[in-house]
Amino acid sequence: MTKEELKVADVMQSEVKTLDRNDKLASADDVMKQERIRHLPVLDRDGNLCGILSQRDLFRGMLLRALGYGSYLETKMLDTHVVKEAMIEHVHTTTPDTPLKDAAKLMIQHKVGCLPVLDSGKLVGIITEEDFVKLFAN
């Protein structure tokens, strides 16, 4: 199979860490640090994608530390706010059957670092910039 024939399903990560929209931002920060990931899809009570939280969204807390408020206040802030307050609600998505080239164009066009992968409206994976780097590094 040539790289031009590849589909999103051939490259996507199918084991996806997710968040609930009412999870604390501190939990999201912990997952991102432990798993070394930068994007977490957010699901509603019914398991439907309702947003995405990126590491950039959490940088606001780090900004407090940089301004001299210290790690205590950063931790307190992250523990008193929930994911739905910081997540992006309008999420660009793709499907497993989408040509990889089209998914890359979508990411470039909208300046996003990942695309949640939906099949029949349900989250089945995620494709990130790192997946493209890995593909071309091999």
Protein backbone atom coordinates (compact mmCIF):
# COMPACT_ATOMS: atom_id res chain seq x y z
CA MET A 1 0.00 0.00 0.00
CA THR A 2 1.38 3.39 -0.95
CA LYS A 3 1.18 6.40 1.32
CA GLU A 4 -1.30 7.93 -1.12
CA GLU A 5 -3.67 4.99 -0.54
CA LEU A 6 -3.54 5.18 3.26
CA LYS A 7 -6.71 5.91 5.17
CA VAL A 8 -7.08 7.46 8.61
CA ALA A 9 -7.80 3.97 10.03
CA ASP A 10 -4.32 2.84 8.98
CA VAL A 11 -2.60 5.44 11.13
CA MET A 12 -5.00 6.53 13.89
CA GLN A 13 -4.66 5.60 17.53
CA SER A 14 -7.64 3.47 18.49
CA GLU A 15 -6.96 3.48 22.24
CA VAL A 16 -8.00 6.99 23.19
CA LYS A 17 -7.91 8.55 26.63
CA THR A 18 -11.00 10.70 27.12
CA LEU A 19 -12.45 13.09 29.64
CA ASP A 20 -15.92 13.75 30.94
CA ARG A 21 -17.03 17.34 30.57
CA ASN A 22 -17.40 17.62 34.37
CA ASP A 23 -13.92 16.27 35.21
CA LYS A 24 -11.64 18.66 37.05
CA LEU A 25 -8.94 20.35 35.00
CA ALA A 26 -6.44 18.93 37.51
CA SER A 27 -7.40 15.41 36.37
CA ALA A 28 -6.92 16.39 32.74
CA ASP A 29 -3.50 17.85 33.54
CA ASP A 30 -2.51 14.63 35.33
CA VAL A 31 -3.60 12.43 32.39
CA MET A 32 -1.73 14.60 29.89
CA LYS A 33 1.45 14.50 31.95
CA GLN A 34 1.28 10.77 32.74
CA GLU A 35 0.37 9.68 29.21
CA ARG A 36 2.53 12.34 27.51
CA ILE A 37 -0.33 13.46 25.28
CA ARG A 38 -1.51 16.91 24.24
CA HIS A 39 -5.15 16.35 23.24
CA LEU A 40 -8.05 14.75 25.08
CA PRO A 41 -11.48 14.26 23.53
CA VAL A 42 -14.33 15.18 25.86
CA LEU A 43 -17.44 13.00 26.01
CA ASP A 44 -20.90 13.77 27.34
CA ARG A 45 -22.95 11.42 29.56
CA ASP A 46 -24.08 9.43 26.51
CA GLY A 47 -20.53 8.90 25.27
CA ASN A 48 -20.84 11.40 22.44
CA LEU A 49 -18.01 13.74 21.53
CA CYS A 50 -18.80 17.20 22.85
CA GLY A 51 -15.40 18.90 22.85
CA ILE A 52 -11.66 18.63 22.99
CA LEU A 53 -9.19 19.84 25.57
CA SER A 54 -5.65 20.55 24.48
CA GLN A 55 -2.53 21.15 26.45
CA ARG A 56 -2.71 24.74 25.25
CA ASP A 57 -6.02 25.14 27.07
CA LEU A 58 -4.25 24.21 30.29
CA PHE A 59 -1.41 26.69 29.78
CA ARG A 60 -3.54 29.34 31.43
CA GLY A 61 -2.80 27.69 34.75
CA MET A 62 0.90 27.63 34.00
CA LEU A 63 0.69 31.32 33.19
CA LEU A 64 -0.38 31.96 36.77
CA ARG A 65 2.81 30.27 37.96
CA ALA A 66 4.91 32.29 35.53
CA LEU A 67 3.35 35.48 36.86
CA GLY A 68 4.57 34.58 40.32
CA TYR A 69 1.44 33.10 41.85
CA GLY A 70 3.19 29.79 42.48
CA SER A 71 2.30 26.17 41.97
CA TYR A 72 -0.14 26.10 44.91
CA LEU A 73 -2.47 28.59 43.24
CA GLU A 74 -2.07 26.83 39.89
CA THR A 75 -3.07 23.50 41.47
CA LYS A 76 -5.97 25.13 43.29
CA MET A 77 -7.21 26.78 40.09
CA LEU A 78 -7.01 23.51 38.11
CA ASP A 79 -8.84 21.71 40.90
CA THR A 80 -11.68 24.22 41.10
CA HIS A 81 -12.51 24.37 37.39
CA VAL A 82 -13.99 21.69 35.17
CA VAL A 83 -13.16 20.60 31.64
CA LYS A 84 -16.28 22.11 30.05
CA GLU A 85 -15.07 25.58 31.10
CA ALA A 86 -11.84 25.26 29.10
CA MET A 87 -12.60 22.82 26.28
CA ILE A 88 -13.18 23.74 22.66
CA GLU A 89 -16.73 22.80 21.71
CA HIS A 90 -16.48 23.11 17.93
CA VAL A 91 -14.36 20.09 17.03
CA HIS A 92 -13.18 19.16 13.56
CA THR A 93 -13.45 15.40 13.09
CA THR A 94 -12.75 12.74 10.52
CA THR A 95 -13.77 9.15 9.80
CA PRO A 96 -11.71 5.93 9.57
CA ASP A 97 -12.29 5.76 5.80
CA THR A 98 -11.08 9.29 5.08
CA PRO A 99 -7.95 9.38 2.90
CA LEU A 100 -5.00 10.33 5.08
CA LYS A 101 -4.12 13.15 2.70
CA ASP A 102 -7.57 14.72 3.24
CA ALA A 103 -7.24 14.48 7.02
CA ALA A 104 -3.85 16.21 6.82
CA LYS A 105 -5.33 18.99 4.69
CA LEU A 106 -8.16 19.45 7.19
CA MET A 107 -5.69 19.76 10.07
CA ILE A 108 -3.62 22.31 8.15
CA GLN A 109 -6.66 24.28 6.99
CA HIS A 110 -8.09 24.61 10.50
CA LYS A 111 -4.72 24.77 12.29
CA VAL A 112 -5.52 21.90 14.65
CA GLY A 113 -3.12 19.36 16.11
CA CYS A 114 -5.51 16.43 16.06
CA LEU A 115 -8.74 15.07 14.68
CA PRO A 116 -11.02 12.79 16.68
CA VAL A 117 -12.10 9.88 14.49
CA LEU A 118 -15.84 9.15 14.49
CA ASP A 119 -17.64 6.13 13.07
CA SER A 120 -21.43 6.38 13.04
CA GLY A 121 -21.11 9.32 15.43
CA LYS A 122 -19.04 7.42 18.03
CA LEU A 123 -15.42 8.06 18.91
CA VAL A 124 -13.25 5.22 17.58
CA GLY A 125 -9.84 6.88 17.50
CA ILE A 126 -7.75 9.99 17.19
CA ILE A 127 -5.14 11.10 14.69
CA THR A 128 -2.50 13.62 15.72
CA GLU A 129 0.43 15.45 14.20
CA GLU A 130 2.66 12.90 15.91
CA ASP A 131 1.00 10.09 13.93
CA PHE A 132 2.02 11.80 10.69
CA VAL A 133 5.58 12.25 11.93
CA LYS A 134 5.77 8.57 12.92
CA LEU A 135 4.42 7.51 9.52
CA PHE A 136 7.07 9.41 7.60
CA ALA A 137 9.86 8.54 10.04
CA ASN A 138 9.38 4.84 9.32
